[in-house]
Amino acid sequence: MSEPKLAPDHDAVGLCASCRHVRLIHSDKGSRFYMCLLAATNPQFPKYPRLPVRRCSGYEPTGGERN
């Protein structure tokens, strides 16, 4: 099993940087927000998690392999 490719901002963002359940939101002022798409159907997950996320039960790498 190969390691997931890490985004350049992985250290600052954590698991969300490489999760298939994230949507990156860019504000008009240049800010970036990481929205968890699992929050739409499961209240266990915050819509905008506090970063960096180091552990998450819903994490799935963008390649589809689950850690």
PDB file of N, CA and C in Angstrom:
ATOM      1  N   MET A   1       0.852  -1.173   0.000  1.00  0.00           N
ATOM      2  CA  MET A   1       0.000   0.000   0.000  1.00  0.00           C
ATOM      3  C   MET A   1       0.899   1.237   0.000  1.00  0.00           C
ATOM      4  N   SER A   2       0.650   2.174  -0.917  1.00  0.00           N
ATOM      5  CA  SER A   2       1.483   3.368  -1.005  1.00  0.00           C
ATOM      6  C   SER A   2       0.927   4.468  -0.116  1.00  0.00           C
ATOM      7  N   GLU A   3       1.812   5.382   0.272  1.00  0.00           N
ATOM      8  CA  GLU A   3       1.417   6.528   1.083  1.00  0.00           C
ATOM      9  C   GLU A   3       0.661   7.520   0.208  1.00  0.00           C
ATOM     10  N   PRO A   4      -0.360   8.209   0.761  1.00  0.00           N
ATOM     11  CA  PRO A   4      -1.048   9.215  -0.043  1.00  0.00           C
ATOM     12  C   PRO A   4      -0.120  10.384  -0.338  1.00  0.00           C
ATOM     13  N   LYS A   5      -0.280  10.994  -1.522  1.00  0.00           N
ATOM     14  CA  LYS A   5       0.509  12.170  -1.849  1.00  0.00           C
ATOM     15  C   LYS A   5       0.026  13.319  -0.980  1.00  0.00           C
ATOM     16  N   LEU A   6       0.975  14.051  -0.403  1.00  0.00           N
ATOM     17  CA  LEU A   6       0.631  15.133   0.501  1.00  0.00           C
ATOM     18  C   LEU A   6       0.632  16.465  -0.232  1.00  0.00           C
ATOM     19  N   ALA A   7      -0.361  17.275   0.063  1.00  0.00           N
ATOM     20  CA  ALA A   7      -0.421  18.620  -0.505  1.00  0.00           C
ATOM     21  C   ALA A   7       0.684  19.460   0.126  1.00  0.00           C
ATOM     22  N   PRO A   8       1.125  20.524  -0.560  1.00  0.00           N
ATOM     23  CA  PRO A   8       2.187  21.366  -0.026  1.00  0.00           C
ATOM     24  C   PRO A   8       1.870  21.943   1.351  1.00  0.00           C
ATOM     25  N   ASP A   9       0.609  22.175   1.667  1.00  0.00           N
ATOM     26  CA  ASP A   9       0.231  22.757   2.956  1.00  0.00           C
ATOM     27  C   ASP A   9      -0.192  21.708   3.987  1.00  0.00           C
ATOM     28  N   HIS A  10       0.224  20.464   3.774  1.00  0.00           N
ATOM     29  CA  HIS A  10      -0.216  19.371   4.644  1.00  0.00           C
ATOM     30  C   HIS A  10       0.116  19.613   6.112  1.00  0.00           C
ATOM     31  N   ASP A  11       1.297  20.131   6.438  1.00  0.00           N
ATOM     32  CA  ASP A  11       1.660  20.333   7.836  1.00  0.00           C
ATOM     33  C   ASP A  11       0.735  21.338   8.528  1.00  0.00           C
ATOM     34  N   ALA A  12       0.318  22.370   7.821  1.00  0.00           N
ATOM     35  CA  ALA A  12      -0.545  23.392   8.413  1.00  0.00           C
ATOM     36  C   ALA A  12      -2.006  22.959   8.465  1.00  0.00           C
ATOM     37  N   VAL A  13      -2.422  22.091   7.542  1.00  0.00           N
ATOM     38  CA  VAL A  13      -3.822  21.697   7.420  1.00  0.00           C
ATOM     39  C   VAL A  13      -4.087  20.322   8.014  1.00  0.00           C
ATOM     40  N   GLY A  14      -3.121  19.432   7.934  1.00  0.00           N
ATOM     41  CA  GLY A  14      -3.294  18.075   8.436  1.00  0.00           C
ATOM     42  C   GLY A  14      -3.985  17.194   7.413  1.00  0.00           C
ATOM     43  N   LEU A  15      -4.788  16.259   7.900  1.00  0.00           N
ATOM     44  CA  LEU A  15      -5.428  15.265   7.046  1.00  0.00           C
ATOM     45  C   LEU A  15      -6.350  15.863   5.988  1.00  0.00           C
ATOM     46  N   CYS A  16      -6.951  16.993   6.272  1.00  0.00           N
ATOM     47  CA  CYS A  16      -7.886  17.599   5.309  1.00  0.00           C
ATOM     48  C   CYS A  16      -7.211  17.909   3.975  1.00  0.00           C
ATOM     49  N   ALA A  17      -5.919  18.141   3.993  1.00  0.00           N
ATOM     50  CA  ALA A  17      -5.201  18.489   2.763  1.00  0.00           C
ATOM     51  C   ALA A  17      -5.225  17.364   1.742  1.00  0.00           C
ATOM     52  N   SER A  18      -5.431  16.126   2.188  1.00  0.00           N
ATOM     53  CA  SER A  18      -5.418  14.998   1.259  1.00  0.00           C
ATOM     54  C   SER A  18      -6.667  14.126   1.371  1.00  0.00           C
ATOM     55  N   CYS A  19      -7.745  14.674   1.928  1.00  0.00           N
ATOM     56  CA  CYS A  19      -8.968  13.902   2.133  1.00  0.00           C
ATOM     57  C   CYS A  19      -9.947  14.084   0.973  1.00  0.00           C
ATOM     58  N   ARG A  20     -10.607  12.998   0.609  1.00  0.00           N
ATOM     59  CA  ARG A  20     -11.584  13.056  -0.482  1.00  0.00           C
ATOM     60  C   ARG A  20     -12.869  13.768  -0.075  1.00  0.00           C
ATOM     61  N   HIS A  21     -13.082  14.012   1.209  1.00  0.00           N
ATOM     62  CA  HIS A  21     -14.313  14.626   1.707  1.00  0.00           C
ATOM     63  C   HIS A  21     -14.163  16.119   1.997  1.00  0.00           C
ATOM     64  N   VAL A  22     -13.193  16.760   1.391  1.00  0.00           N
ATOM     65  CA  VAL A  22     -12.962  18.177   1.663  1.00  0.00           C
ATOM     66  C   VAL A  22     -13.269  19.011   0.425  1.00  0.00           C
ATOM     67  N   ARG A  23     -13.762  20.198   0.657  1.00  0.00           N
ATOM     68  CA  ARG A  23     -13.932  21.182  -0.417  1.00  0.00           C
ATOM     69  C   ARG A  23     -13.188  22.432   0.036  1.00  0.00           C
ATOM     70  N   LEU A  24     -12.265  22.882  -0.784  1.00  0.00           N
ATOM     71  CA  LEU A  24     -11.493  24.078  -0.474  1.00  0.00           C
ATOM     72  C   LEU A  24     -12.302  25.296  -0.905  1.00  0.00           C
ATOM     73  N   ILE A  25     -12.541  26.197   0.041  1.00  0.00           N
ATOM     74  CA  ILE A  25     -13.315  27.405  -0.201  1.00  0.00           C
ATOM     75  C   ILE A  25     -12.361  28.589  -0.182  1.00  0.00           C
ATOM     76  N   HIS A  26     -12.411  29.423  -1.218  1.00  0.00           N
ATOM     77  CA  HIS A  26     -11.593  30.637  -1.290  1.00  0.00           C
ATOM     78  C   HIS A  26     -12.510  31.842  -1.109  1.00  0.00           C
ATOM     79  N   SER A  27     -12.179  32.698  -0.146  1.00  0.00           N
ATOM     80  CA  SER A  27     -12.984  33.897   0.069  1.00  0.00           C
ATOM     81  C   SER A  27     -12.529  35.010  -0.874  1.00  0.00           C
ATOM     82  N   ASP A  28     -13.363  36.026  -1.010  1.00  0.00           N
ATOM     83  CA  ASP A  28     -13.014  37.185  -1.828  1.00  0.00           C
ATOM     84  C   ASP A  28     -11.807  37.942  -1.267  1.00  0.00           C
ATOM     85  N   LYS A  29     -11.545  37.764   0.034  1.00  0.00           N
ATOM     86  CA  LYS A  29     -10.417  38.449   0.682  1.00  0.00           C
ATOM     87  C   LYS A  29      -9.136  37.632   0.632  1.00  0.00           C
ATOM     88  N   GLY A  30      -9.165  36.478  -0.021  1.00  0.00           N
ATOM     89  CA  GLY A  30      -7.969  35.665  -0.173  1.00  0.00           C
ATOM     90  C   GLY A  30      -7.772  34.581   0.878  1.00  0.00           C
ATOM     91  N   SER A  31      -8.709  34.427   1.793  1.00  0.00           N
ATOM     92  CA  SER A  31      -8.605  33.378   2.808  1.00  0.00           C
ATOM     93  C   SER A  31      -9.016  32.037   2.211  1.00  0.00           C
ATOM     94  N   ARG A  32      -8.489  30.947   2.809  1.00  0.00           N
ATOM     95  CA  ARG A  32      -8.870  29.592   2.398  1.00  0.00           C
ATOM     96  C   ARG A  32      -9.500  28.888   3.587  1.00  0.00           C
ATOM     97  N   PHE A  33     -10.581  28.187   3.311  1.00  0.00           N
ATOM     98  CA  PHE A  33     -11.276  27.411   4.333  1.00  0.00           C
ATOM     99  C   PHE A  33     -11.446  25.989   3.819  1.00  0.00           C
ATOM    100  N   TYR A  34     -11.300  25.030   4.726  1.00  0.00           N
ATOM    101  CA  TYR A  34     -11.448  23.620   4.377  1.00  0.00           C
ATOM    102  C   TYR A  34     -12.772  23.130   4.927  1.00  0.00           C
ATOM    103  N   MET A  35     -13.743  22.893   4.035  1.00  0.00           N
ATOM    104  CA  MET A  35     -15.082  22.470   4.430  1.00  0.00           C
ATOM    105  C   MET A  35     -15.177  20.947   4.346  1.00  0.00           C
ATOM    106  N   CYS A  36     -15.622  20.334   5.428  1.00  0.00           N
ATOM    107  CA  CYS A  36     -15.808  18.887   5.466  1.00  0.00           C
ATOM    108  C   CYS A  36     -17.183  18.545   4.907  1.00  0.00           C
ATOM    109  N   LEU A  37     -17.205  17.803   3.818  1.00  0.00           N
ATOM    110  CA  LEU A  37     -18.466  17.431   3.182  1.00  0.00           C
ATOM    111  C   LEU A  37     -19.240  16.384   3.982  1.00  0.00           C
ATOM    112  N   LEU A  38     -18.575  15.679   4.884  1.00  0.00           N
ATOM    113  CA  LEU A  38     -19.255  14.701   5.737  1.00  0.00           C
ATOM    114  C   LEU A  38     -20.199  15.389   6.718  1.00  0.00           C
ATOM    115  N   ALA A  39     -19.935  16.652   7.024  1.00  0.00           N
ATOM    116  CA  ALA A  39     -20.767  17.397   7.973  1.00  0.00           C
ATOM    117  C   ALA A  39     -22.200  17.561   7.473  1.00  0.00           C
ATOM    118  N   ALA A  40     -22.404  17.488   6.176  1.00  0.00           N
ATOM    119  CA  ALA A  40     -23.748  17.649   5.617  1.00  0.00           C
ATOM    120  C   ALA A  40     -24.686  16.512   6.011  1.00  0.00           C
ATOM    121  N   THR A  41     -24.126  15.341   6.298  1.00  0.00           N
ATOM    122  CA  THR A  41     -24.963  14.182   6.625  1.00  0.00           C
ATOM    123  C   THR A  41     -24.673  13.574   7.993  1.00  0.00           C
ATOM    124  N   ASN A  42     -23.619  14.053   8.657  1.00  0.00           N
ATOM    125  CA  ASN A  42     -23.245  13.473   9.944  1.00  0.00           C
ATOM    126  C   ASN A  42     -22.793  14.577  10.894  1.00  0.00           C
ATOM    127  N   PRO A  43     -23.566  14.864  11.955  1.00  0.00           N
ATOM    128  CA  PRO A  43     -23.214  15.949  12.873  1.00  0.00           C
ATOM    129  C   PRO A  43     -21.936  15.703  13.678  1.00  0.00           C
ATOM    130  N   GLN A  44     -21.382  14.497  13.605  1.00  0.00           N
ATOM    131  CA  GLN A  44     -20.118  14.199  14.285  1.00  0.00           C
ATOM    132  C   GLN A  44     -18.977  15.046  13.709  1.00  0.00           C
ATOM    133  N   PHE A  45     -19.099  15.439  12.453  1.00  0.00           N
ATOM    134  CA  PHE A  45     -18.035  16.165  11.773  1.00  0.00           C
ATOM    135  C   PHE A  45     -18.354  17.652  11.704  1.00  0.00           C
ATOM    136  N   PRO A  46     -17.405  18.505  12.136  1.00  0.00           N
ATOM    137  CA  PRO A  46     -17.633  19.945  12.022  1.00  0.00           C
ATOM    138  C   PRO A  46     -17.546  20.384  10.562  1.00  0.00           C
ATOM    139  N   LYS A  47     -18.374  21.351  10.197  1.00  0.00           N
ATOM    140  CA  LYS A  47     -18.383  21.830   8.810  1.00  0.00           C
ATOM    141  C   LYS A  47     -17.025  22.425   8.430  1.00  0.00           C
ATOM    142  N   TYR A  48     -16.453  23.208   9.334  1.00  0.00           N
ATOM    143  CA  TYR A  48     -15.128  23.795   9.127  1.00  0.00           C
ATOM    144  C   TYR A  48     -14.252  23.387  10.313  1.00  0.00           C
ATOM    145  N   PRO A  49     -13.540  22.263  10.214  1.00  0.00           N
ATOM    146  CA  PRO A  49     -12.773  21.766  11.355  1.00  0.00           C
ATOM    147  C   PRO A  49     -11.604  22.680  11.715  1.00  0.00           C
ATOM    148  N   ARG A  50     -11.259  22.659  12.976  1.00  0.00           N
ATOM    149  CA  ARG A  50     -10.096  23.407  13.457  1.00  0.00           C
ATOM    150  C   ARG A  50      -8.847  22.727  12.909  1.00  0.00           C
ATOM    151  N   LEU A  51      -7.978  23.501  12.295  1.00  0.00           N
ATOM    152  CA  LEU A  51      -6.772  22.969  11.663  1.00  0.00           C
ATOM    153  C   LEU A  51      -5.560  23.131  12.564  1.00  0.00           C
ATOM    154  N   PRO A  52      -4.603  22.250  12.476  1.00  0.00           N
ATOM    155  CA  PRO A  52      -4.507  21.078  11.623  1.00  0.00           C
ATOM    156  C   PRO A  52      -5.268  19.891  12.200  1.00  0.00           C
ATOM    157  N   VAL A  53      -5.875  19.120  11.333  1.00  0.00           N
ATOM    158  CA  VAL A  53      -6.581  17.901  11.733  1.00  0.00           C
ATOM    159  C   VAL A  53      -5.567  16.761  11.707  1.00  0.00           C
ATOM    160  N   ARG A  54      -5.327  16.152  12.853  1.00  0.00           N
ATOM    161  CA  ARG A  54      -4.337  15.064  12.956  1.00  0.00           C
ATOM    162  C   ARG A  54      -4.996  13.688  12.977  1.00  0.00           C
ATOM    163  N   ARG A  55      -6.255  13.607  13.446  1.00  0.00           N
ATOM    164  CA  ARG A  55      -6.999  12.342  13.470  1.00  0.00           C
ATOM    165  C   ARG A  55      -8.433  12.614  13.068  1.00  0.00           C
ATOM    166  N   CYS A  56      -8.991  11.717  12.261  1.00  0.00           N
ATOM    167  CA  CYS A  56     -10.378  11.870  11.837  1.00  0.00           C
ATOM    168  C   CYS A  56     -10.923  10.512  11.423  1.00  0.00           C
ATOM    169  N   SER A  57     -12.053  10.131  11.995  1.00  0.00           N
ATOM    170  CA  SER A  57     -12.639   8.829  11.675  1.00  0.00           C
ATOM    171  C   SER A  57     -13.204   8.778  10.257  1.00  0.00           C
ATOM    172  N   GLY A  58     -13.434   9.914   9.642  1.00  0.00           N
ATOM    173  CA  GLY A  58     -13.979   9.938   8.285  1.00  0.00           C
ATOM    174  C   GLY A  58     -12.925  10.124   7.208  1.00  0.00           C
ATOM    175  N   TYR A  59     -11.662  10.210   7.606  1.00  0.00           N
ATOM    176  CA  TYR A  59     -10.596  10.471   6.636  1.00  0.00           C
ATOM    177  C   TYR A  59     -10.491   9.360   5.590  1.00  0.00           C
ATOM    178  N   GLU A  60     -10.484   9.757   4.345  1.00  0.00           N
ATOM    179  CA  GLU A  60     -10.207   8.854   3.221  1.00  0.00           C
ATOM    180  C   GLU A  60      -9.303   9.608   2.270  1.00  0.00           C
ATOM    181  N   PRO A  61      -8.133   9.061   1.981  1.00  0.00           N
ATOM    182  CA  PRO A  61      -7.221   9.730   1.049  1.00  0.00           C
ATOM    183  C   PRO A  61      -7.887   9.880  -0.323  1.00  0.00           C
ATOM    184  N   THR A  62      -7.491  10.883  -1.054  1.00  0.00           N
ATOM    185  CA  THR A  62      -8.092  11.130  -2.360  1.00  0.00           C
ATOM    186  C   THR A  62      -7.922   9.945  -3.310  1.00  0.00           C
ATOM    187  N   GLY A  63      -6.930   9.094  -3.092  1.00  0.00           N
ATOM    188  CA  GLY A  63      -6.735   7.911  -3.921  1.00  0.00           C
ATOM    189  C   GLY A  63      -7.731   6.806  -3.639  1.00  0.00           C
ATOM    190  N   GLY A  64      -8.511   6.905  -2.565  1.00  0.00           N
ATOM    191  CA  GLY A  64      -9.533   5.924  -2.266  1.00  0.00           C
ATOM    192  C   GLY A  64      -9.142   4.906  -1.216  1.00  0.00           C
ATOM    193  N   GLU A  65      -7.855   4.824  -0.842  1.00  0.00           N
ATOM    194  CA  GLU A  65      -7.433   3.894   0.201  1.00  0.00           C
ATOM    195  C   GLU A  65      -7.712   4.499   1.550  1.00  0.00           C
ATOM    196  N   ARG A  66      -8.233   3.705   2.473  1.00  0.00           N
ATOM    197  CA  ARG A  66      -8.549   4.192   3.802  1.00  0.00           C
ATOM    198  C   ARG A  66      -7.435   3.791   4.769  1.00  0.00           C
ATOM    199  N   ASN A  67      -6.983   4.763   5.598  1.00  0.00           N
ATOM    200  CA  ASN A  67      -5.943   4.500   6.615  1.00  0.00           C
ATOM    201  C   ASN A  67      -6.561   4.262   7.949  1.00  0.00           C
TER     202      ASN A  67
END
